[in-house]
Amino acid sequence: MTNEELILIKLDNIESQIEPAIRFSKSLNELKEDLLTLQSSAFKTLTNELQEIEAGFQLDDFLSLIKQTLRRTNDLTFAIRQLSNMVEFVNDLEPLLKSGVPQLIAYLDHLEQRGVFRVLKATLDIRAKVAEAYSPEDIDRIGDALVGLLGVTKRLSDPKAKEFIDKMANLPSHVDLEGCKKMGPFKLAAAACDQDVKEGLGVLIELAKAMGKLKKDVSGADDEEACELPLKNNQ
């Protein structure tokens, strides 16, 4: 092999080794050109943005903000920790919400199908109508009357009272108004021999006795009030 051939072989080796460096250099030049282009557009954009905030930006304010931030480092750290705790709480709560929200929606839908919300709306409408028809003083008096009626209802909850009211409510169904006839003294005497009439008269007598006790109770209350008035006048 001659010297010329050896030289050519070495040149080929050197060229093969230098070629990656040449390609890298070309890539760097292309990147430099791209960066120069981006730099010029970015500089223009930054200049425009700074021009917009130039009137409201003061360097002293920025420095004061930095000072306050440095002074409140502990507060910022505490706020970040609390934010982290809140994020953890939300992450823990998310599975419960995923299971609980559909159940809540299903329950509300069940209430809607049963008409609970319509009843609530109707109740609110009734309250609005009552407020339009009566003054607050009237509502107070009605409330006092309702309290008294609740006391009456409590007394009617007695088993004997309930039984008596149930039987009284059944009486109209047993009365034949179309078959009623005029009664004279002799017919009354004849009707008194009927067993049902006798039992009815017994019931009327018991009711009359109870009504007499009612009158005594009312009279006693009136007498007590009459006795209290002179005492107050004497005082």
Protein backbone atom coordinates (compact mmCIF):
# COMPACT_ATOMS: atom_id res chain seq x y z
CA MET A 1 0.00 0.00 0.00
CA THR A 2 1.45 3.31 -1.02
CA ASN A 3 1.71 6.42 1.12
CA GLU A 4 -0.97 8.17 -0.88
CA GLU A 5 -3.47 5.41 -0.09
CA LEU A 6 -2.61 5.53 3.61
CA ILE A 7 -3.10 9.27 3.63
CA LEU A 8 -6.51 8.94 1.94
CA ILE A 9 -7.59 6.29 4.48
CA LYS A 10 -6.58 8.54 7.37
CA LEU A 11 -8.40 11.49 5.83
CA ASP A 12 -11.54 9.37 5.50
CA ASN A 13 -11.28 8.40 9.18
CA ILE A 14 -10.78 12.00 10.24
CA GLU A 15 -13.73 13.08 8.10
CA SER A 16 -15.96 10.40 9.63
CA GLN A 17 -14.99 11.57 13.13
CA ILE A 18 -15.45 15.26 12.33
CA GLU A 19 -18.86 14.80 10.62
CA PRO A 20 -20.90 14.43 13.92
CA ALA A 21 -19.25 17.59 15.23
CA ILE A 22 -20.18 19.41 12.05
CA ARG A 23 -23.81 18.23 12.31
CA PHE A 24 -23.91 19.31 15.98
CA SER A 25 -22.51 22.71 15.04
CA LYS A 26 -25.18 23.11 12.36
CA SER A 27 -27.88 22.16 14.92
CA LEU A 28 -26.50 24.75 17.35
CA ASN A 29 -26.59 27.40 14.66
CA GLU A 30 -30.20 26.52 13.82
CA LEU A 31 -31.15 26.60 17.52
CA LYS A 32 -29.41 29.95 17.89
CA GLU A 33 -31.37 31.38 14.97
CA ASP A 34 -34.65 30.04 16.42
CA LEU A 35 -33.85 31.45 19.86
CA LEU A 36 -33.00 34.82 18.38
CA THR A 37 -36.34 34.86 16.61
CA LEU A 38 -38.22 33.87 19.79
CA GLN A 39 -36.19 36.31 21.84
CA SER A 40 -37.16 39.20 19.66
CA SER A 41 -40.91 38.29 19.75
CA ALA A 42 -40.79 37.58 23.49
CA PHE A 43 -39.03 40.91 24.14
CA LYS A 44 -41.68 42.74 22.17
CA THR A 45 -44.48 40.95 24.08
CA LEU A 46 -42.82 41.68 27.43
CA THR A 47 -42.38 45.31 26.49
CA ASN A 48 -46.04 45.63 25.56
CA GLU A 49 -47.16 43.96 28.79
CA LEU A 50 -44.93 46.19 30.88
CA GLN A 51 -46.31 49.24 29.12
CA GLU A 52 -49.83 48.19 30.12
CA ILE A 53 -48.95 47.86 33.82
CA GLU A 54 -46.55 50.80 33.87
CA ALA A 55 -49.19 53.18 35.30
CA GLY A 56 -50.16 50.84 38.16
CA PHE A 57 -46.74 49.39 38.97
CA GLN A 58 -44.40 51.08 41.38
CA LEU A 59 -41.05 49.68 42.36
CA ASP A 60 -41.55 50.79 45.97
CA ASP A 61 -44.74 48.75 46.15
CA PHE A 62 -42.96 45.72 44.80
CA LEU A 63 -40.18 46.09 47.36
CA SER A 64 -42.75 46.56 50.13
CA LEU A 65 -44.48 43.37 48.99
CA ILE A 66 -41.20 41.48 49.19
CA LYS A 67 -40.54 42.84 52.69
CA GLN A 68 -44.00 41.89 53.91
CA THR A 69 -43.62 38.43 52.41
CA LEU A 70 -40.28 37.92 54.16
CA ARG A 71 -41.73 39.17 57.46
CA ARG A 72 -44.76 36.88 57.19
CA THR A 73 -42.88 33.74 56.23
CA ASN A 74 -44.27 31.87 59.23
CA ASP A 75 -47.82 32.88 58.33
CA LEU A 76 -47.30 31.77 54.75
CA THR A 77 -45.91 28.47 55.94
CA PHE A 78 -48.90 27.98 58.25
CA ALA A 79 -51.31 28.86 55.42
CA ILE A 80 -49.63 26.37 53.10
CA ARG A 81 -49.83 23.66 55.76
CA GLN A 82 -53.50 24.37 56.35
CA LEU A 83 -54.10 24.28 52.61
CA SER A 84 -52.35 20.93 52.49
CA ASN A 85 -54.56 19.66 55.32
CA MET A 86 -57.62 20.89 53.48
CA VAL A 87 -56.54 19.12 50.31
CA GLU A 88 -56.03 15.91 52.29
CA PHE A 89 -59.47 16.33 53.89
CA VAL A 90 -61.07 16.79 50.47
CA ASN A 91 -59.27 13.72 49.17
CA ASP A 92 -60.52 11.70 52.14
CA LEU A 93 -64.02 13.11 51.78
CA GLU A 94 -64.27 12.45 48.06
CA PRO A 95 -65.05 8.69 48.38
CA LEU A 96 -67.75 9.45 50.95
CA LEU A 97 -69.26 12.06 48.66
CA LYS A 98 -69.24 9.65 45.74
CA SER A 99 -71.25 7.15 47.76
CA GLY A 100 -73.32 9.60 49.82
CA VAL A 101 -74.45 12.05 47.15
CA PRO A 102 -76.26 9.43 45.02
CA GLN A 103 -78.00 8.12 48.14
CA LEU A 104 -79.03 11.65 49.09
CA ILE A 105 -80.35 12.27 45.58
CA ALA A 106 -82.29 9.00 45.67
CA TYR A 107 -83.76 9.90 49.09
CA LEU A 108 -84.79 13.37 47.88
CA ASP A 109 -86.34 11.80 44.78
CA HIS A 110 -88.26 9.41 47.04
CA LEU A 111 -89.56 12.36 49.07
CA GLU A 112 -90.54 14.14 45.86
CA GLN A 113 -92.48 11.13 44.63
CA ARG A 114 -94.31 10.92 47.97
CA GLY A 115 -95.28 14.58 47.66
CA VAL A 116 -93.40 15.80 50.72
CA PHE A 117 -92.07 18.89 48.97
CA ARG A 118 -95.50 19.74 47.60
CA VAL A 119 -96.90 19.53 51.12
CA LEU A 120 -94.12 21.81 52.40
CA LYS A 121 -94.84 24.29 49.62
CA ALA A 122 -98.54 24.20 50.42
CA THR A 123 -97.71 24.78 54.11
CA LEU A 124 -95.65 27.83 53.21
CA ASP A 125 -98.51 29.11 51.05
CA ILE A 126 -100.88 28.67 54.00
CA ARG A 127 -98.54 30.65 56.23
CA ALA A 128 -98.39 33.41 53.64
CA LYS A 129 -102.19 33.53 53.44
CA VAL A 130 -102.48 33.61 57.24
CA ALA A 131 -99.96 36.46 57.37
CA GLU A 132 -102.01 38.40 54.82
CA ALA A 133 -105.33 37.79 56.57
CA TYR A 134 -104.31 38.31 60.21
CA SER A 135 -102.16 40.75 62.10
CA PRO A 136 -99.41 39.65 64.52
CA GLU A 137 -101.75 40.40 67.44
CA ASP A 138 -104.39 38.14 65.92
CA ILE A 139 -101.79 35.40 65.49
CA ASP A 140 -100.87 35.74 69.18
CA ARG A 141 -104.49 35.36 70.21
CA ILE A 142 -104.95 32.41 67.85
CA GLY A 143 -101.84 30.83 69.35
CA ASP A 144 -103.27 31.20 72.86
CA ALA A 145 -106.51 29.61 71.68
CA LEU A 146 -104.61 26.74 70.08
CA VAL A 147 -102.80 26.13 73.36
CA GLY A 148 -106.16 25.85 75.08
CA LEU A 149 -107.45 23.53 72.36
CA LEU A 150 -104.40 21.34 72.84
CA GLY A 151 -105.33 21.03 76.49
CA VAL A 152 -108.86 20.02 75.48
CA THR A 153 -107.42 17.53 73.01
CA LYS A 154 -105.25 16.09 75.75
CA ARG A 155 -108.32 15.53 77.92
CA LEU A 156 -110.11 13.95 74.95
CA SER A 157 -107.27 11.45 74.68
CA ASP A 158 -108.73 9.69 77.72
CA PRO A 159 -109.98 6.23 76.63
CA LYS A 160 -113.48 6.87 78.02
CA ALA A 161 -113.71 10.21 76.23
CA LYS A 162 -112.56 8.64 72.97
CA GLU A 163 -115.08 5.84 73.31
CA PHE A 164 -117.87 8.33 74.06
CA ILE A 165 -116.98 10.50 71.03
CA ASP A 166 -116.81 7.46 68.75
CA LYS A 167 -120.25 6.33 69.84
CA MET A 168 -121.68 9.85 69.47
CA ALA A 169 -120.24 10.02 65.95
CA ASN A 170 -122.13 6.80 65.06
CA LEU A 171 -125.48 8.14 66.28
CA PRO A 172 -126.47 10.04 63.10
CA SER A 173 -126.19 6.83 61.07
CA HIS A 174 -128.83 5.17 63.31
CA VAL A 175 -131.33 8.07 63.22
CA ASP A 176 -134.16 7.82 60.68
CA LEU A 177 -135.27 11.42 60.22
CA GLU A 178 -137.77 10.54 57.48
CA GLY A 179 -139.52 8.07 59.77
CA CYS A 180 -139.92 10.57 62.61
CA LYS A 181 -143.53 11.15 63.68
CA LYS A 182 -145.20 13.61 65.98
CA MET A 183 -145.45 12.41 69.54
CA GLY A 184 -148.18 13.24 72.04
CA PRO A 185 -148.29 12.53 75.78
CA PHE A 186 -149.77 9.07 75.32
CA LYS A 187 -147.27 8.12 72.63
CA LEU A 188 -144.48 9.36 74.86
CA ALA A 189 -145.74 7.19 77.67
CA ALA A 190 -145.96 4.22 75.30
CA ALA A 191 -142.49 4.91 73.91
CA ALA A 192 -141.10 5.03 77.44
CA CYS A 193 -141.81 1.30 77.67
CA ASP A 194 -139.31 0.63 74.89
CA GLN A 195 -135.99 -0.73 76.17
CA ASP A 196 -133.86 1.49 73.86
CA VAL A 197 -135.80 4.57 74.94
CA LYS A 198 -135.23 3.67 78.56
CA GLU A 199 -131.49 3.32 77.98
CA GLY A 200 -131.47 6.59 76.06
CA LEU A 201 -133.23 8.37 78.89
CA GLY A 202 -130.67 6.95 81.28
CA VAL A 203 -127.89 8.36 79.12
CA LEU A 204 -129.64 11.74 79.02
CA ILE A 205 -129.92 11.76 82.80
CA GLU A 206 -126.21 11.02 83.15
CA LEU A 207 -125.45 13.81 80.69
CA ALA A 208 -127.73 16.13 82.65
CA LYS A 209 -125.82 15.30 85.83
CA ALA A 210 -122.51 16.00 84.10
CA MET A 211 -123.88 19.30 82.77
CA GLY A 212 -124.94 20.19 86.30
CA LYS A 213 -121.38 19.60 87.51
CA LEU A 214 -120.15 21.79 84.66
CA LYS A 215 -122.40 24.60 85.84
CA LYS A 216 -121.18 24.18 89.40
CA ASP A 217 -117.55 24.36 88.23
CA VAL A 218 -118.21 27.56 86.26
CA SER A 219 -120.19 29.08 89.13
CA GLY A 220 -117.44 28.19 91.57
CA ALA A 221 -114.84 29.90 89.39
CA ASP A 222 -117.04 33.00 89.13
CA ASP A 223 -117.51 33.04 92.91
CA GLU A 224 -113.77 32.83 93.46
CA GLU A 225 -113.19 35.74 91.08
CA ALA A 226 -115.93 37.73 92.85
CA CYS A 227 -114.24 37.07 96.18
CA GLU A 228 -110.86 38.15 94.88
CA LEU A 229 -112.14 41.50 93.56
CA PRO A 230 -113.17 42.92 96.97
CA LEU A 231 -109.87 41.76 98.43
CA LYS A 232 -107.96 43.65 95.75
CA ASN A 233 -110.12 46.74 96.28
CA ASN A 234 -109.47 46.60 100.02
CA GLN A 235 -105.77 46.38 99.39
